[in-house]
């Protein structure tokens, strides 16, 4: 605890960070991704992207071996409803990165989409798998 605020150790950034509701979700998603084969060494948190004239940050970007973003994740605090605005947010980020997987999570609910071989998105019922394994 620092200055009366709880902290937790971030495995990706390798430093202590303030334990805020959204950060709690981010760290749980990172641990779940790492546990299913996504290398921590290929994850970047709050990765900057630009689409048109708008700047944004992908909460969790997972890269493939060639350095392309394979999975883009948008996380929200548990109290935030995963509605169309959240889906649109991660879809806008994808305009800049063309990921194979998209995910949104508030720690209570998670939704995943996968791009098919024709470039079309479909909602996935399974956890995203890394080609980096």
N, C-alpha and C. Protein backbone atom coordinates (compact mmCIF):
# COMPACT_ATOMS: atom_id res chain seq x y z
N UNK A 1 0.85 -1.17 0.00
CA UNK A 1 0.00 0.00 0.00
C UNK A 1 0.90 1.23 0.00
N UNK A 2 0.57 2.18 -0.84
CA UNK A 2 1.33 3.42 -0.92
C UNK A 2 0.37 4.59 -0.81
N UNK A 3 0.66 5.51 0.10
CA UNK A 3 -0.17 6.70 0.31
C UNK A 3 -1.63 6.32 0.53
N UNK A 4 -1.85 5.23 1.27
CA UNK A 4 -3.21 4.82 1.59
C UNK A 4 -3.94 4.13 0.45
N UNK A 5 -3.25 3.78 -0.65
CA UNK A 5 -3.89 3.14 -1.79
C UNK A 5 -3.28 1.75 -1.99
N UNK A 6 -4.13 0.79 -2.23
CA UNK A 6 -3.67 -0.56 -2.50
C UNK A 6 -2.98 -0.60 -3.86
N UNK A 7 -1.98 -1.45 -3.97
CA UNK A 7 -1.27 -1.63 -5.22
C UNK A 7 -1.14 -3.12 -5.52
N UNK A 8 -0.85 -3.43 -6.79
CA UNK A 8 -0.57 -4.79 -7.17
C UNK A 8 0.56 -4.79 -8.18
N UNK A 9 1.25 -5.91 -8.27
CA UNK A 9 2.39 -6.02 -9.17
C UNK A 9 1.91 -6.43 -10.56
N UNK A 10 2.23 -5.62 -11.55
CA UNK A 10 1.85 -5.89 -12.93
C UNK A 10 2.92 -6.77 -13.58
N UNK A 11 2.52 -7.94 -14.06
CA UNK A 11 3.46 -8.88 -14.66
C UNK A 11 3.98 -8.38 -16.01
N UNK A 12 3.20 -7.57 -16.72
CA UNK A 12 3.62 -7.08 -18.03
C UNK A 12 4.54 -5.87 -17.88
N UNK A 13 4.11 -4.89 -17.08
CA UNK A 13 4.90 -3.67 -16.90
C UNK A 13 6.03 -3.84 -15.91
N UNK A 14 5.99 -4.93 -15.14
CA UNK A 14 7.00 -5.26 -14.13
C UNK A 14 7.20 -4.13 -13.12
N UNK A 15 6.07 -3.61 -12.65
CA UNK A 15 6.12 -2.58 -11.62
C UNK A 15 4.82 -2.62 -10.82
N UNK A 16 4.82 -1.92 -9.71
CA UNK A 16 3.63 -1.82 -8.87
C UNK A 16 2.73 -0.73 -9.44
N UNK A 17 1.42 -1.02 -9.50
CA UNK A 17 0.44 -0.07 -10.02
C UNK A 17 -0.72 0.03 -9.04
N UNK A 18 -1.42 1.17 -9.09
CA UNK A 18 -2.56 1.38 -8.20
C UNK A 18 -3.67 0.38 -8.52
N UNK A 19 -4.24 -0.18 -7.48
CA UNK A 19 -5.32 -1.16 -7.64
C UNK A 19 -6.65 -0.42 -7.78
N UNK A 20 -6.98 -0.09 -9.02
CA UNK A 20 -8.26 0.53 -9.36
C UNK A 20 -9.14 -0.56 -9.95
N UNK A 21 -10.47 -0.36 -9.97
CA UNK A 21 -11.35 -1.41 -10.51
C UNK A 21 -10.99 -1.87 -11.92
N UNK A 22 -10.70 -0.94 -12.83
CA UNK A 22 -10.33 -1.34 -14.19
C UNK A 22 -9.00 -2.08 -14.21
N UNK A 23 -8.07 -1.66 -13.37
CA UNK A 23 -6.76 -2.34 -13.30
C UNK A 23 -6.92 -3.75 -12.78
N UNK A 24 -7.83 -3.96 -11.84
CA UNK A 24 -8.10 -5.30 -11.33
C UNK A 24 -8.54 -6.21 -12.48
N UNK A 25 -9.44 -5.71 -13.32
CA UNK A 25 -9.92 -6.49 -14.47
C UNK A 25 -8.76 -6.73 -15.44
N UNK A 26 -8.00 -5.69 -15.76
CA UNK A 26 -6.87 -5.82 -16.70
C UNK A 26 -5.92 -6.92 -16.24
N UNK A 27 -5.55 -6.91 -14.95
CA UNK A 27 -4.58 -7.90 -14.45
C UNK A 27 -5.15 -9.31 -14.48
N UNK A 28 -6.44 -9.46 -14.21
CA UNK A 28 -7.04 -10.79 -14.28
C UNK A 28 -7.09 -11.30 -15.73
N UNK A 29 -7.39 -10.42 -16.67
CA UNK A 29 -7.39 -10.82 -18.08
C UNK A 29 -5.98 -11.18 -18.52
N UNK A 30 -4.99 -10.37 -18.13
CA UNK A 30 -3.59 -10.68 -18.47
C UNK A 30 -3.21 -12.06 -17.94
N UNK A 31 -3.52 -12.35 -16.69
CA UNK A 31 -3.19 -13.65 -16.10
C UNK A 31 -3.90 -14.78 -16.82
N UNK A 32 -5.15 -14.57 -17.19
CA UNK A 32 -5.91 -15.60 -17.92
C UNK A 32 -5.32 -15.83 -19.30
N UNK A 33 -4.95 -14.75 -19.99
CA UNK A 33 -4.33 -14.89 -21.31
C UNK A 33 -2.99 -15.62 -21.20
N UNK A 34 -2.17 -15.21 -20.23
CA UNK A 34 -0.86 -15.86 -20.04
C UNK A 34 -1.04 -17.34 -19.71
N UNK A 35 -2.03 -17.64 -18.90
CA UNK A 35 -2.29 -19.03 -18.53
C UNK A 35 -2.76 -19.89 -19.69
N UNK A 36 -3.28 -19.24 -20.74
CA UNK A 36 -3.74 -20.00 -21.90
C UNK A 36 -2.76 -19.93 -23.07
N UNK A 37 -1.54 -19.46 -22.81
CA UNK A 37 -0.50 -19.53 -23.81
C UNK A 37 -0.07 -18.24 -24.47
N UNK A 38 -0.69 -17.12 -24.13
CA UNK A 38 -0.26 -15.84 -24.71
C UNK A 38 0.98 -15.38 -23.95
N UNK A 39 2.11 -15.22 -24.63
CA UNK A 39 3.35 -14.85 -23.93
C UNK A 39 3.29 -13.43 -23.33
N UNK A 40 3.65 -13.32 -22.06
CA UNK A 40 3.71 -12.00 -21.43
C UNK A 40 4.68 -11.08 -22.16
N UNK A 41 5.73 -11.66 -22.73
CA UNK A 41 6.73 -10.86 -23.42
C UNK A 41 6.20 -10.21 -24.70
N UNK A 42 5.05 -10.67 -25.16
CA UNK A 42 4.45 -10.08 -26.37
C UNK A 42 3.17 -9.31 -26.05
N UNK A 43 2.99 -8.95 -24.79
CA UNK A 43 1.85 -8.14 -24.39
C UNK A 43 2.31 -6.72 -24.10
N UNK A 44 1.49 -5.76 -24.50
CA UNK A 44 1.71 -4.36 -24.17
C UNK A 44 0.41 -3.82 -23.61
N UNK A 45 0.49 -3.13 -22.50
CA UNK A 45 -0.70 -2.53 -21.89
C UNK A 45 -0.78 -1.07 -22.29
N UNK A 46 -2.01 -0.64 -22.57
CA UNK A 46 -2.29 0.75 -22.97
C UNK A 46 -1.46 1.13 -24.19
N UNK A 47 -1.51 0.27 -25.20
CA UNK A 47 -0.77 0.47 -26.45
C UNK A 47 -1.42 1.57 -27.28
N UNK A 48 -0.68 2.63 -27.63
CA UNK A 48 -1.28 3.74 -28.39
C UNK A 48 -1.61 3.34 -29.83
N UNK A 49 -2.77 3.80 -30.30
CA UNK A 49 -3.19 3.60 -31.69
C UNK A 49 -3.80 4.90 -32.20
N UNK A 50 -3.75 5.05 -33.51
CA UNK A 50 -4.35 6.23 -34.14
C UNK A 50 -5.22 5.75 -35.28
N UNK A 51 -6.48 6.19 -35.29
CA UNK A 51 -7.39 5.85 -36.37
C UNK A 51 -8.03 7.15 -36.82
N UNK A 52 -7.72 7.54 -38.07
CA UNK A 52 -8.16 8.84 -38.55
C UNK A 52 -7.46 9.92 -37.77
N UNK A 53 -8.22 10.84 -37.23
CA UNK A 53 -7.68 11.94 -36.43
C UNK A 53 -7.79 11.68 -34.94
N UNK A 54 -8.15 10.46 -34.57
CA UNK A 54 -8.41 10.14 -33.17
C UNK A 54 -7.31 9.23 -32.62
N UNK A 55 -6.82 9.57 -31.44
CA UNK A 55 -5.85 8.74 -30.74
C UNK A 55 -6.57 7.90 -29.71
N UNK A 56 -6.10 6.70 -29.51
CA UNK A 56 -6.67 5.81 -28.50
C UNK A 56 -5.59 4.94 -27.89
N UNK A 57 -6.01 4.10 -26.97
CA UNK A 57 -5.07 3.16 -26.32
C UNK A 57 -5.77 1.82 -26.16
N UNK A 58 -5.16 0.80 -26.71
CA UNK A 58 -5.67 -0.56 -26.53
C UNK A 58 -5.24 -1.00 -25.14
N UNK A 59 -6.19 -1.41 -24.31
CA UNK A 59 -5.87 -1.79 -22.93
C UNK A 59 -4.86 -2.93 -22.87
N UNK A 60 -5.08 -3.98 -23.67
CA UNK A 60 -4.14 -5.09 -23.74
C UNK A 60 -3.96 -5.42 -25.21
N UNK A 61 -2.75 -5.29 -25.71
CA UNK A 61 -2.43 -5.67 -27.08
C UNK A 61 -1.48 -6.86 -27.02
N UNK A 62 -1.85 -7.96 -27.69
CA UNK A 62 -1.02 -9.15 -27.75
C UNK A 62 -0.49 -9.28 -29.17
N UNK A 63 0.81 -9.39 -29.29
CA UNK A 63 1.48 -9.39 -30.58
C UNK A 63 1.86 -10.80 -31.03
N UNK A 64 1.88 -11.01 -32.35
CA UNK A 64 2.37 -12.27 -32.89
C UNK A 64 3.89 -12.18 -33.07
N UNK A 65 4.47 -13.22 -33.61
CA UNK A 65 5.93 -13.25 -33.78
C UNK A 65 6.46 -12.21 -34.77
N UNK A 66 5.60 -11.76 -35.67
CA UNK A 66 6.01 -10.77 -36.67
C UNK A 66 5.79 -9.34 -36.19
N UNK A 67 5.29 -9.18 -34.97
CA UNK A 67 5.10 -7.85 -34.42
C UNK A 67 3.75 -7.21 -34.73
N UNK A 68 2.82 -7.99 -35.25
CA UNK A 68 1.46 -7.48 -35.51
C UNK A 68 0.57 -7.78 -34.31
N UNK A 69 -0.38 -6.90 -34.07
CA UNK A 69 -1.33 -7.14 -32.97
C UNK A 69 -2.28 -8.24 -33.38
N UNK A 70 -2.25 -9.33 -32.63
CA UNK A 70 -3.09 -10.49 -32.90
C UNK A 70 -4.39 -10.42 -32.11
N UNK A 71 -4.33 -9.82 -30.91
CA UNK A 71 -5.49 -9.71 -30.03
C UNK A 71 -5.52 -8.31 -29.44
N UNK A 72 -6.66 -7.64 -29.54
CA UNK A 72 -6.87 -6.33 -28.91
C UNK A 72 -7.98 -6.48 -27.88
N UNK A 73 -7.69 -6.06 -26.65
CA UNK A 73 -8.63 -6.23 -25.55
C UNK A 73 -8.96 -4.87 -24.96
N UNK A 74 -10.24 -4.61 -24.76
CA UNK A 74 -10.71 -3.42 -24.05
C UNK A 74 -11.30 -3.89 -22.73
N UNK A 75 -10.79 -3.35 -21.63
CA UNK A 75 -11.32 -3.72 -20.31
C UNK A 75 -12.02 -2.52 -19.69
N UNK A 76 -13.00 -2.84 -18.89
CA UNK A 76 -13.77 -1.84 -18.14
C UNK A 76 -13.87 -2.29 -16.70
N UNK A 77 -14.18 -1.37 -15.83
CA UNK A 77 -14.42 -1.70 -14.43
C UNK A 77 -15.67 -2.58 -14.33
N UNK A 78 -15.76 -3.40 -13.29
CA UNK A 78 -16.91 -4.29 -13.16
C UNK A 78 -18.27 -3.59 -13.19
N UNK A 79 -18.33 -2.36 -12.76
CA UNK A 79 -19.61 -1.64 -12.72
C UNK A 79 -20.04 -1.13 -14.10
N UNK A 80 -19.13 -1.16 -15.08
CA UNK A 80 -19.41 -0.65 -16.42
C UNK A 80 -20.06 -1.75 -17.26
N UNK A 81 -21.22 -1.44 -17.81
CA UNK A 81 -21.94 -2.39 -18.64
C UNK A 81 -21.23 -2.53 -19.99
N UNK A 82 -21.13 -3.77 -20.47
CA UNK A 82 -20.54 -4.03 -21.78
C UNK A 82 -21.64 -3.85 -22.83
N UNK A 83 -21.75 -2.63 -23.32
CA UNK A 83 -22.80 -2.30 -24.28
C UNK A 83 -22.21 -2.00 -25.65
N UNK A 84 -23.02 -1.52 -26.55
CA UNK A 84 -22.58 -1.24 -27.92
C UNK A 84 -21.44 -0.23 -27.97
N UNK A 85 -21.41 0.72 -27.04
CA UNK A 85 -20.31 1.70 -27.04
C UNK A 85 -18.96 1.04 -26.80
N UNK A 86 -18.92 0.06 -25.93
CA UNK A 86 -17.67 -0.64 -25.64
C UNK A 86 -17.26 -1.47 -26.86
N UNK A 87 -18.22 -2.14 -27.49
CA UNK A 87 -17.94 -2.92 -28.69
C UNK A 87 -17.42 -1.99 -29.79
N UNK A 88 -18.06 -0.84 -29.98
CA UNK A 88 -17.62 0.12 -30.99
C UNK A 88 -16.21 0.64 -30.70
N UNK A 89 -15.89 0.81 -29.43
CA UNK A 89 -14.56 1.29 -29.05
C UNK A 89 -13.47 0.31 -29.51
N UNK A 90 -13.63 -0.96 -29.20
CA UNK A 90 -12.61 -1.94 -29.60
C UNK A 90 -12.62 -2.13 -31.12
N UNK A 91 -13.78 -1.99 -31.75
CA UNK A 91 -13.85 -2.11 -33.22
C UNK A 91 -13.12 -0.94 -33.89
N UNK A 92 -13.20 0.26 -33.31
CA UNK A 92 -12.46 1.41 -33.85
C UNK A 92 -10.96 1.18 -33.75
N UNK A 93 -10.52 0.64 -32.62
CA UNK A 93 -9.10 0.33 -32.48
C UNK A 93 -8.65 -0.65 -33.55
N UNK A 94 -9.52 -1.60 -33.87
CA UNK A 94 -9.16 -2.59 -34.87
C UNK A 94 -9.01 -1.98 -36.26
N UNK A 95 -9.66 -0.85 -36.53
CA UNK A 95 -9.46 -0.18 -37.82
C UNK A 95 -7.99 0.17 -38.03
N UNK A 96 -7.28 0.40 -36.93
CA UNK A 96 -5.87 0.77 -37.02
C UNK A 96 -4.94 -0.44 -36.99
N UNK A 97 -5.40 -1.58 -36.44
CA UNK A 97 -4.46 -2.69 -36.23
C UNK A 97 -4.82 -3.98 -36.95
N UNK A 98 -6.07 -4.17 -37.35
CA UNK A 98 -6.52 -5.39 -38.05
C UNK A 98 -6.12 -6.66 -37.30
N UNK A 99 -6.58 -6.76 -36.07
CA UNK A 99 -6.26 -7.93 -35.24
C UNK A 99 -7.04 -9.16 -35.72
N UNK A 100 -6.58 -10.32 -35.28
CA UNK A 100 -7.29 -11.58 -35.57
C UNK A 100 -8.39 -11.82 -34.54
N UNK A 101 -8.18 -11.30 -33.32
CA UNK A 101 -9.13 -11.46 -32.22
C UNK A 101 -9.42 -10.10 -31.59
N UNK A 102 -10.66 -9.91 -31.13
CA UNK A 102 -11.05 -8.76 -30.32
C UNK A 102 -11.73 -9.29 -29.07
N UNK A 103 -11.54 -8.59 -27.96
CA UNK A 103 -12.16 -9.01 -26.70
C UNK A 103 -12.54 -7.78 -25.91
N UNK A 104 -13.67 -7.88 -25.18
CA UNK A 104 -14.03 -6.88 -24.19
C UNK A 104 -14.35 -7.63 -22.90
N UNK A 105 -14.04 -7.01 -21.76
CA UNK A 105 -14.32 -7.65 -20.48
C UNK A 105 -14.47 -6.60 -19.39
N UNK A 106 -15.40 -6.86 -18.48
CA UNK A 106 -15.49 -6.05 -17.28
C UNK A 106 -15.23 -6.91 -16.05
N UNK A 107 -14.65 -8.06 -16.27
CA UNK A 107 -14.34 -8.97 -15.17
C UNK A 107 -15.49 -9.87 -14.78
N UNK A 108 -16.71 -9.43 -15.08
CA UNK A 108 -17.89 -10.23 -14.79
C UNK A 108 -18.41 -10.91 -16.05
N UNK A 109 -18.27 -10.21 -17.16
CA UNK A 109 -18.66 -10.72 -18.47
C UNK A 109 -17.52 -10.45 -19.44
N UNK A 110 -17.40 -11.34 -20.41
CA UNK A 110 -16.39 -11.22 -21.45
C UNK A 110 -17.01 -11.61 -22.77
N UNK A 111 -16.67 -10.88 -23.82
CA UNK A 111 -17.11 -11.22 -25.17
C UNK A 111 -15.89 -11.24 -26.08
N UNK A 112 -15.87 -12.20 -27.00
CA UNK A 112 -14.73 -12.41 -27.89
C UNK A 112 -15.24 -12.51 -29.32
N UNK A 113 -14.49 -11.89 -30.25
CA UNK A 113 -14.77 -12.00 -31.68
C UNK A 113 -13.51 -12.47 -32.38
N UNK A 114 -13.71 -13.25 -33.45
CA UNK A 114 -12.58 -13.73 -34.26
C UNK A 114 -12.84 -13.37 -35.72
N UNK A 115 -11.77 -12.93 -36.39
CA UNK A 115 -11.86 -12.63 -37.82
C UNK A 115 -11.65 -13.93 -38.59
N UNK A 116 -12.55 -14.21 -39.55
CA UNK A 116 -12.39 -15.42 -40.34
C UNK A 116 -11.44 -15.19 -41.51
N UNK A 117 -11.22 -16.22 -42.30
CA UNK A 117 -10.27 -16.14 -43.41
C UNK A 117 -10.70 -15.15 -44.50
N UNK A 118 -11.98 -14.76 -44.49
CA UNK A 118 -12.49 -13.77 -45.45
C UNK A 118 -12.49 -12.36 -44.87
N UNK A 119 -11.98 -12.21 -43.66
CA UNK A 119 -11.90 -10.89 -43.04
C UNK A 119 -13.16 -10.46 -42.31
N UNK A 120 -14.13 -11.36 -42.18
CA UNK A 120 -15.39 -11.03 -41.48
C UNK A 120 -15.29 -11.42 -40.01
N UNK A 121 -15.95 -10.62 -39.18
CA UNK A 121 -15.96 -10.87 -37.74
C UNK A 121 -17.12 -11.77 -37.37
N UNK A 122 -16.86 -12.67 -36.43
CA UNK A 122 -17.92 -13.49 -35.86
C UNK A 122 -17.67 -13.63 -34.38
N UNK A 123 -18.75 -13.60 -33.59
CA UNK A 123 -18.59 -13.76 -32.15
C UNK A 123 -18.15 -15.20 -31.87
N UNK A 124 -17.19 -15.33 -30.99
CA UNK A 124 -16.62 -16.63 -30.65
C UNK A 124 -17.12 -17.06 -29.28
N UNK A 125 -17.37 -18.33 -29.16
CA UNK A 125 -17.77 -18.89 -27.86
C UNK A 125 -16.56 -19.43 -27.11
N UNK A 126 -15.39 -19.34 -27.73
CA UNK A 126 -14.19 -19.87 -27.09
C UNK A 126 -13.21 -18.75 -26.77
N UNK A 127 -12.28 -19.07 -25.91
CA UNK A 127 -11.22 -18.16 -25.51
C UNK A 127 -10.27 -17.99 -26.69
N UNK A 128 -9.73 -16.78 -26.92
CA UNK A 128 -8.82 -16.58 -28.06
C UNK A 128 -7.54 -17.40 -27.90
N UNK A 129 -7.09 -17.98 -29.01
CA UNK A 129 -5.86 -18.79 -28.97
C UNK A 129 -4.76 -18.05 -29.70
N UNK A 130 -3.57 -18.15 -29.17
CA UNK A 130 -2.41 -17.47 -29.72
C UNK A 130 -1.72 -18.31 -30.77
N UNK A 131 -1.30 -17.68 -31.86
CA UNK A 131 -0.50 -18.38 -32.85
C UNK A 131 0.95 -18.45 -32.39
N UNK A 132 1.29 -17.76 -31.30
CA UNK A 132 2.67 -17.68 -30.81
C UNK A 132 3.07 -18.90 -30.01
N UNK A 133 2.16 -19.83 -29.78
CA UNK A 133 2.47 -20.99 -28.95
C UNK A 133 3.38 -21.96 -29.64
